[in-house]
Structure formats: C-alpha cells, structure tokens
Amino acid sequence: MASETSSDATSDRTMAPPPKIQSRVAETILLSLLALGENGPTGASPFLLRQVILSIRAAGFDKEARAMAVEAALAAGL
C-alpha cells in the first residue's frame, strides 16, 4: 500500500495539467504569459518553463509550446 502512495505522489508531479484546462484557454495563456514575465521563455527558470509548456500544450497549443521550447533551448545555447 505504501508503494502505491509513493508512486502516486511521484506521478502527480510529472503529469500534465488536467484536461479541464482546455476549457479555460484564455486564462491559461494569460497566466502563462504573466508567469514568464518580460524576458519570456529565454529568462524563465527550467521549472517554470516546463510548467508553462505543459499548460499551453494541455490548452491545445502544441505547435506554440514546441516553438517556445525551441526558443528557450536556443537562448540557452543548446
């Protein structure tokens, strides 16, 4: 039973936002932009950037999320 609890806790941290975000597209995008700030994805911490990309993808913007990830990777010198 304890192993089930620990695996559930681990999976909760690595899962994408729930599907209900798809019904709150404008709010998701606005909050993502506010979280990124003036520097956008190039100045965001990796943890924040990951959450923003997951949220944008969950809202149905796969192409835009991929472009954001590429922009951040190029800015980081990858």
PDB file of N, CA and C in Angstrom:
ATOM      1  N   MET A   1       0.818  -1.178   0.000  1.00  0.00           N
ATOM      2  CA  MET A   1       0.000   0.000   0.000  1.00  0.00           C
ATOM      3  C   MET A   1       0.867   1.249   0.000  1.00  0.00           C
ATOM      4  N   ALA A   2       1.963   1.231   0.755  1.00  0.00           N
ATOM      5  CA  ALA A   2       2.839   2.398   0.829  1.00  0.00           C
ATOM      6  C   ALA A   2       3.482   2.673  -0.522  1.00  0.00           C
ATOM      7  N   SER A   3       3.820   1.599  -1.267  1.00  0.00           N
ATOM      8  CA  SER A   3       4.433   1.815  -2.578  1.00  0.00           C
ATOM      9  C   SER A   3       3.455   2.458  -3.554  1.00  0.00           C
ATOM     10  N   GLU A   4       2.164   2.148  -3.418  1.00  0.00           N
ATOM     11  CA  GLU A   4       1.170   2.787  -4.277  1.00  0.00           C
ATOM     12  C   GLU A   4       1.091   4.280  -3.997  1.00  0.00           C
ATOM     13  N   THR A   5       1.151   4.639  -2.724  1.00  0.00           N
ATOM     14  CA  THR A   5       1.071   6.049  -2.343  1.00  0.00           C
ATOM     15  C   THR A   5       2.264   6.820  -2.872  1.00  0.00           C
ATOM     16  N   SER A   6       3.467   6.262  -2.737  1.00  0.00           N
ATOM     17  CA  SER A   6       4.649   6.981  -3.200  1.00  0.00           C
ATOM     18  C   SER A   6       4.677   7.087  -4.716  1.00  0.00           C
ATOM     19  N   SER A   7       4.227   6.051  -5.422  1.00  0.00           N
ATOM     20  CA  SER A   7       4.206   6.151  -6.880  1.00  0.00           C
ATOM     21  C   SER A   7       3.148   7.144  -7.348  1.00  0.00           C
ATOM     22  N   ASP A   8       2.027   7.234  -6.611  1.00  0.00           N
ATOM     23  CA  ASP A   8       1.012   8.230  -6.952  1.00  0.00           C
ATOM     24  C   ASP A   8       1.549   9.639  -6.767  1.00  0.00           C
ATOM     25  N   ALA A   9       2.292   9.852  -5.693  1.00  0.00           N
ATOM     26  CA  ALA A   9       2.850  11.182  -5.429  1.00  0.00           C
ATOM     27  C   ALA A   9       3.851  11.560  -6.509  1.00  0.00           C
ATOM     28  N   THR A  10       4.652  10.596  -6.951  1.00  0.00           N
ATOM     29  CA  THR A  10       5.630  10.865  -7.998  1.00  0.00           C
ATOM     30  C   THR A  10       4.937  11.178  -9.308  1.00  0.00           C
ATOM     31  N   SER A  11       3.918  10.412  -9.651  1.00  0.00           N
ATOM     32  CA  SER A  11       3.236  10.643 -10.922  1.00  0.00           C
ATOM     33  C   SER A  11       2.488  11.964 -10.924  1.00  0.00           C
ATOM     34  N   ASP A  12       2.010  12.423  -9.761  1.00  0.00           N
ATOM     35  CA  ASP A  12       1.317  13.708  -9.689  1.00  0.00           C
ATOM     36  C   ASP A  12       2.237  14.855 -10.064  1.00  0.00           C
ATOM     37  N   ARG A  13       3.506  14.755  -9.731  1.00  0.00           N
ATOM     38  CA  ARG A  13       4.440  15.831 -10.026  1.00  0.00           C
ATOM     39  C   ARG A  13       4.866  15.840 -11.483  1.00  0.00           C
ATOM     40  N   THR A  14       4.766  14.712 -12.161  1.00  0.00           N
ATOM     41  CA  THR A  14       5.240  14.642 -13.539  1.00  0.00           C
ATOM     42  C   THR A  14       4.119  14.677 -14.562  1.00  0.00           C
ATOM     43  N   MET A  15       2.887  14.711 -14.111  1.00  0.00           N
ATOM     44  CA  MET A  15       1.755  14.708 -15.038  1.00  0.00           C
ATOM     45  C   MET A  15       1.472  16.100 -15.565  1.00  0.00           C
ATOM     46  N   ALA A  16       0.912  16.137 -16.745  1.00  0.00           N
ATOM     47  CA  ALA A  16       0.455  17.402 -17.324  1.00  0.00           C
ATOM     48  C   ALA A  16      -0.779  17.886 -16.573  1.00  0.00           C
ATOM     49  N   PRO A  17      -1.089  19.153 -16.702  1.00  0.00           N
ATOM     50  CA  PRO A  17      -2.305  19.677 -16.065  1.00  0.00           C
ATOM     51  C   PRO A  17      -3.545  18.910 -16.535  1.00  0.00           C
ATOM     52  N   PRO A  18      -4.569  18.863 -15.716  1.00  0.00           N
ATOM     53  CA  PRO A  18      -5.775  18.101 -16.056  1.00  0.00           C
ATOM     54  C   PRO A  18      -6.485  18.651 -17.294  1.00  0.00           C
ATOM     55  N   PRO A  19      -7.270  17.803 -17.966  1.00  0.00           N
ATOM     56  CA  PRO A  19      -7.967  18.223 -19.192  1.00  0.00           C
ATOM     57  C   PRO A  19      -8.899  19.411 -19.014  1.00  0.00           C
ATOM     58  N   LYS A  20      -9.349  19.694 -17.794  1.00  0.00           N
ATOM     59  CA  LYS A  20     -10.265  20.819 -17.605  1.00  0.00           C
ATOM     60  C   LYS A  20      -9.630  22.147 -17.996  1.00  0.00           C
ATOM     61  N   ILE A  21      -8.303  22.189 -18.100  1.00  0.00           N
ATOM     62  CA  ILE A  21      -7.624  23.417 -18.537  1.00  0.00           C
ATOM     63  C   ILE A  21      -8.042  23.769 -19.960  1.00  0.00           C
ATOM     64  N   GLN A  22      -8.371  22.765 -20.758  1.00  0.00           N
ATOM     65  CA  GLN A  22      -8.773  23.027 -22.139  1.00  0.00           C
ATOM     66  C   GLN A  22      -9.982  23.945 -22.213  1.00  0.00           C
ATOM     67  N   SER A  23     -10.802  23.970 -21.181  1.00  0.00           N
ATOM     68  CA  SER A  23     -11.971  24.840 -21.197  1.00  0.00           C
ATOM     69  C   SER A  23     -11.650  26.238 -20.676  1.00  0.00           C
ATOM     70  N   ARG A  24     -10.425  26.445 -20.224  1.00  0.00           N
ATOM     71  CA  ARG A  24     -10.006  27.749 -19.695  1.00  0.00           C
ATOM     72  C   ARG A  24      -8.781  28.231 -20.466  1.00  0.00           C
ATOM     73  N   VAL A  25      -8.895  28.222 -21.765  1.00  0.00           N
ATOM     74  CA  VAL A  25      -7.764  28.531 -22.635  1.00  0.00           C
ATOM     75  C   VAL A  25      -7.238  29.939 -22.394  1.00  0.00           C
ATOM     76  N   ALA A  26      -8.099  30.930 -22.412  1.00  0.00           N
ATOM     77  CA  ALA A  26      -7.647  32.319 -22.264  1.00  0.00           C
ATOM     78  C   ALA A  26      -6.946  32.533 -20.927  1.00  0.00           C
ATOM     79  N   GLU A  27      -7.506  31.982 -19.875  1.00  0.00           N
ATOM     80  CA  GLU A  27      -6.898  32.127 -18.556  1.00  0.00           C
ATOM     81  C   GLU A  27      -5.536  31.441 -18.504  1.00  0.00           C
ATOM     82  N   THR A  28      -5.442  30.261 -19.097  1.00  0.00           N
ATOM     83  CA  THR A  28      -4.182  29.528 -19.119  1.00  0.00           C
ATOM     84  C   THR A  28      -3.102  30.317 -19.844  1.00  0.00           C
ATOM     85  N   ILE A  29      -3.435  30.856 -21.009  1.00  0.00           N
ATOM     86  CA  ILE A  29      -2.456  31.610 -21.793  1.00  0.00           C
ATOM     87  C   ILE A  29      -2.061  32.892 -21.066  1.00  0.00           C
ATOM     88  N   LEU A  30      -3.019  33.611 -20.521  1.00  0.00           N
ATOM     89  CA  LEU A  30      -2.724  34.851 -19.808  1.00  0.00           C
ATOM     90  C   LEU A  30      -1.813  34.598 -18.609  1.00  0.00           C
ATOM     91  N   LEU A  31      -2.136  33.601 -17.811  1.00  0.00           N
ATOM     92  CA  LEU A  31      -1.313  33.298 -16.644  1.00  0.00           C
ATOM     93  C   LEU A  31       0.078  32.821 -17.045  1.00  0.00           C
ATOM     94  N   SER A  32       0.168  32.096 -18.145  1.00  0.00           N
ATOM     95  CA  SER A  32       1.474  31.652 -18.635  1.00  0.00           C
ATOM     96  C   SER A  32       2.335  32.839 -19.035  1.00  0.00           C
ATOM     97  N   LEU A  33       1.742  33.783 -19.749  1.00  0.00           N
ATOM     98  CA  LEU A  33       2.486  34.976 -20.163  1.00  0.00           C
ATOM     99  C   LEU A  33       2.906  35.815 -18.963  1.00  0.00           C
ATOM    100  N   LEU A  34       2.024  35.954 -17.997  1.00  0.00           N
ATOM    101  CA  LEU A  34       2.366  36.705 -16.787  1.00  0.00           C
ATOM    102  C   LEU A  34       3.492  36.022 -16.010  1.00  0.00           C
ATOM    103  N   ALA A  35       3.448  34.705 -15.933  1.00  0.00           N
ATOM    104  CA  ALA A  35       4.478  33.963 -15.206  1.00  0.00           C
ATOM    105  C   ALA A  35       5.843  34.098 -15.875  1.00  0.00           C
ATOM    106  N   LEU A  36       5.862  34.116 -17.207  1.00  0.00           N
ATOM    107  CA  LEU A  36       7.133  34.225 -17.925  1.00  0.00           C
ATOM    108  C   LEU A  36       7.746  35.613 -17.787  1.00  0.00           C
ATOM    109  N   GLY A  37       6.921  36.631 -17.664  1.00  0.00           N
ATOM    110  CA  GLY A  37       7.431  37.983 -17.471  1.00  0.00           C
ATOM    111  C   GLY A  37       7.969  38.611 -18.745  1.00  0.00           C
ATOM    112  N   GLU A  38       8.696  39.711 -18.568  1.00  0.00           N
ATOM    113  CA  GLU A  38       9.189  40.499 -19.700  1.00  0.00           C
ATOM    114  C   GLU A  38      10.178  39.745 -20.577  1.00  0.00           C
ATOM    115  N   ASN A  39      10.977  38.871 -19.983  1.00  0.00           N
ATOM    116  CA  ASN A  39      12.007  38.159 -20.742  1.00  0.00           C
ATOM    117  C   ASN A  39      11.480  36.948 -21.489  1.00  0.00           C
ATOM    118  N   GLY A  40      10.254  36.578 -21.238  1.00  0.00           N
ATOM    119  CA  GLY A  40       9.666  35.435 -21.934  1.00  0.00           C
ATOM    120  C   GLY A  40      10.363  34.137 -21.577  1.00  0.00           C
ATOM    121  N   PRO A  41      10.313  33.165 -22.468  1.00  0.00           N
ATOM    122  CA  PRO A  41      10.880  31.854 -22.169  1.00  0.00           C
ATOM    123  C   PRO A  41      12.400  31.864 -22.040  1.00  0.00           C
ATOM    124  N   THR A  42      13.058  32.859 -22.623  1.00  0.00           N
ATOM    125  CA  THR A  42      14.524  32.890 -22.557  1.00  0.00           C
ATOM    126  C   THR A  42      15.037  33.209 -21.159  1.00  0.00           C
ATOM    127  N   GLY A  43      14.250  33.896 -20.337  1.00  0.00           N
ATOM    128  CA  GLY A  43      14.688  34.253 -18.996  1.00  0.00           C
ATOM    129  C   GLY A  43      14.037  33.447 -17.895  1.00  0.00           C
ATOM    130  N   ALA A  44      13.215  32.480 -18.250  1.00  0.00           N
ATOM    131  CA  ALA A  44      12.478  31.700 -17.249  1.00  0.00           C
ATOM    132  C   ALA A  44      13.329  30.566 -16.695  1.00  0.00           C
ATOM    133  N   SER A  45      13.049  30.203 -15.466  1.00  0.00           N
ATOM    134  CA  SER A  45      13.725  29.043 -14.882  1.00  0.00           C
ATOM    135  C   SER A  45      13.223  27.786 -15.593  1.00  0.00           C
ATOM    136  N   PRO A  46      14.026  26.740 -15.622  1.00  0.00           N
ATOM    137  CA  PRO A  46      13.591  25.500 -16.282  1.00  0.00           C
ATOM    138  C   PRO A  46      12.300  24.933 -15.698  1.00  0.00           C
ATOM    139  N   PHE A  47      12.116  25.055 -14.398  1.00  0.00           N
ATOM    140  CA  PHE A  47      10.910  24.520 -13.760  1.00  0.00           C
ATOM    141  C   PHE A  47       9.664  25.295 -14.181  1.00  0.00           C
ATOM    142  N   LEU A  48       9.773  26.616 -14.212  1.00  0.00           N
ATOM    143  CA  LEU A  48       8.654  27.445 -14.652  1.00  0.00           C
ATOM    144  C   LEU A  48       8.358  27.192 -16.122  1.00  0.00           C
ATOM    145  N   LEU A  49       9.397  27.144 -16.921  1.00  0.00           N
ATOM    146  CA  LEU A  49       9.226  26.922 -18.354  1.00  0.00           C
ATOM    147  C   LEU A  49       8.540  25.585 -18.624  1.00  0.00           C
ATOM    148  N   ARG A  50       8.926  24.557 -17.893  1.00  0.00           N
ATOM    149  CA  ARG A  50       8.294  23.238 -18.060  1.00  0.00           C
ATOM    150  C   ARG A  50       6.801  23.317 -17.771  1.00  0.00           C
ATOM    151  N   GLN A  51       6.439  23.969 -16.669  1.00  0.00           N
ATOM    152  CA  GLN A  51       5.027  24.060 -16.298  1.00  0.00           C
ATOM    153  C   GLN A  51       4.238  24.868 -17.317  1.00  0.00           C
ATOM    154  N   VAL A  52       4.825  25.956 -17.799  1.00  0.00           N
ATOM    155  CA  VAL A  52       4.152  26.781 -18.804  1.00  0.00           C
ATOM    156  C   VAL A  52       3.940  25.978 -20.085  1.00  0.00           C
ATOM    157  N   ILE A  53       4.959  25.266 -20.525  1.00  0.00           N
ATOM    158  CA  ILE A  53       4.841  24.475 -21.756  1.00  0.00           C
ATOM    159  C   ILE A  53       3.790  23.380 -21.592  1.00  0.00           C
ATOM    160  N   LEU A  54       3.784  22.702 -20.460  1.00  0.00           N
ATOM    161  CA  LEU A  54       2.760  21.674 -20.221  1.00  0.00           C
ATOM    162  C   LEU A  54       1.360  22.275 -20.232  1.00  0.00           C
ATOM    163  N   SER A  55       1.214  23.434 -19.626  1.00  0.00           N
ATOM    164  CA  SER A  55      -0.101  24.085 -19.572  1.00  0.00           C
ATOM    165  C   SER A  55      -0.569  24.524 -20.950  1.00  0.00           C
ATOM    166  N   ILE A  56       0.341  25.083 -21.725  1.00  0.00           N
ATOM    167  CA  ILE A  56      -0.012  25.528 -23.076  1.00  0.00           C
ATOM    168  C   ILE A  56      -0.387  24.328 -23.951  1.00  0.00           C
ATOM    169  N   ARG A  57       0.353  23.242 -23.811  1.00  0.00           N
ATOM    170  CA  ARG A  57       0.011  22.029 -24.573  1.00  0.00           C
ATOM    171  C   ARG A  57      -1.347  21.487 -24.149  1.00  0.00           C
ATOM    172  N   ALA A  58      -1.622  21.494 -22.846  1.00  0.00           N
ATOM    173  CA  ALA A  58      -2.911  20.998 -22.351  1.00  0.00           C
ATOM    174  C   ALA A  58      -4.062  21.850 -22.852  1.00  0.00           C
ATOM    175  N   ALA A  59      -3.781  23.113 -23.135  1.00  0.00           N
ATOM    176  CA  ALA A  59      -4.814  24.010 -23.664  1.00  0.00           C
ATOM    177  C   ALA A  59      -5.001  23.826 -25.164  1.00  0.00           C
ATOM    178  N   GLY A  60      -4.193  22.963 -25.780  1.00  0.00           N
ATOM    179  CA  GLY A  60      -4.359  22.656 -27.197  1.00  0.00           C
ATOM    180  C   GLY A  60      -3.417  23.386 -28.130  1.00  0.00           C
ATOM    181  N   PHE A  61      -2.362  23.975 -27.596  1.00  0.00           N
ATOM    182  CA  PHE A  61      -1.419  24.728 -28.415  1.00  0.00           C
ATOM    183  C   PHE A  61      -0.076  24.000 -28.496  1.00  0.00           C
ATOM    184  N   ASP A  62      -0.086  22.820 -29.091  1.00  0.00           N
ATOM    185  CA  ASP A  62       1.132  22.013 -29.192  1.00  0.00           C
ATOM    186  C   ASP A  62       2.220  22.711 -30.001  1.00  0.00           C
ATOM    187  N   LYS A  63       1.846  23.256 -31.136  1.00  0.00           N
ATOM    188  CA  LYS A  63       2.823  23.900 -32.017  1.00  0.00           C
ATOM    189  C   LYS A  63       3.485  25.094 -31.324  1.00  0.00           C
ATOM    190  N   GLU A  64       2.700  25.890 -30.637  1.00  0.00           N
ATOM    191  CA  GLU A  64       3.220  27.063 -29.940  1.00  0.00           C
ATOM    192  C   GLU A  64       4.100  26.661 -28.759  1.00  0.00           C
ATOM    193  N   ALA A  65       3.717  25.605 -28.065  1.00  0.00           N
ATOM    194  CA  ALA A  65       4.521  25.118 -26.944  1.00  0.00           C
ATOM    195  C   ALA A  65       5.869  24.614 -27.439  1.00  0.00           C
ATOM    196  N   ARG A  66       5.866  23.928 -28.565  1.00  0.00           N
ATOM    197  CA  ARG A  66       7.118  23.440 -29.145  1.00  0.00           C
ATOM    198  C   ARG A  66       8.006  24.611 -29.556  1.00  0.00           C
ATOM    199  N   ALA A  67       7.420  25.627 -30.169  1.00  0.00           N
ATOM    200  CA  ALA A  67       8.191  26.805 -30.580  1.00  0.00           C
ATOM    201  C   ALA A  67       8.796  27.503 -29.363  1.00  0.00           C
ATOM    202  N   MET A  68       8.044  27.566 -28.273  1.00  0.00           N
ATOM    203  CA  MET A  68       8.550  28.179 -27.051  1.00  0.00           C
ATOM    204  C   MET A  68       9.722  27.382 -26.494  1.00  0.00           C
ATOM    205  N   ALA A  69       9.616  26.069 -26.516  1.00  0.00           N
ATOM    206  CA  ALA A  69      10.695  25.215 -26.025  1.00  0.00           C
ATOM    207  C   ALA A  69      11.950  25.383 -26.878  1.00  0.00           C
ATOM    208  N   VAL A  70      11.775  25.459 -28.188  1.00  0.00           N
ATOM    209  CA  VAL A  70      12.914  25.650 -29.090  1.00  0.00           C
ATOM    210  C   VAL A  70      13.566  27.004 -28.833  1.00  0.00           C
ATOM    211  N   GLU A  71      12.760  28.044 -28.674  1.00  0.00           N
ATOM    212  CA  GLU A  71      13.289  29.383 -28.396  1.00  0.00           C
ATOM    213  C   GLU A  71      14.119  29.387 -27.114  1.00  0.00           C
ATOM    214  N   ALA A  72      13.613  28.756 -26.079  1.00  0.00           N
ATOM    215  CA  ALA A  72      14.334  28.706 -24.803  1.00  0.00           C
ATOM    216  C   ALA A  72      15.623  27.899 -24.938  1.00  0.00           C
ATOM    217  N   ALA A  73      15.568  26.796 -25.670  1.00  0.00           N
ATOM    218  CA  ALA A  73      16.762  25.972 -25.856  1.00  0.00           C
ATOM    219  C   ALA A  73      17.838  26.721 -26.636  1.00  0.00           C
ATOM    220  N   LEU A  74      17.440  27.416 -27.687  1.00  0.00           N
ATOM    221  CA  LEU A  74      18.406  28.188 -28.472  1.00  0.00           C
ATOM    222  C   LEU A  74      19.011  29.316 -27.645  1.00  0.00           C
ATOM    223  N   ALA A  75      18.203  29.966 -26.828  1.00  0.00           N
ATOM    224  CA  ALA A  75      18.705  31.048 -25.977  1.00  0.00           C
ATOM    225  C   ALA A  75      19.685  30.522 -24.929  1.00  0.00           C
ATOM    226  N   ALA A  76      19.495  29.269 -24.516  1.00  0.00           N
ATOM    227  CA  ALA A  76      20.383  28.658 -23.526  1.00  0.00           C
ATOM    228  C   ALA A  76      21.656  28.110 -24.159  1.00  0.00           C
ATOM    229  N   GLY A  77      21.735  28.163 -25.483  1.00  0.00           N
ATOM    230  CA  GLY A  77      22.932  27.699 -26.172  1.00  0.00           C
ATOM    231  C   GLY A  77      22.937  26.226 -26.521  1.00  0.00           C
ATOM    232  N   LEU A  78      21.795  25.607 -26.510  1.00  0.00           N
ATOM    233  CA  LEU A  78      21.726  24.178 -26.869  1.00  0.00           C
ATOM    234  C   LEU A  78      21.662  23.983 -28.352  1.00  0.00           C
TER     235      LEU A  78
END
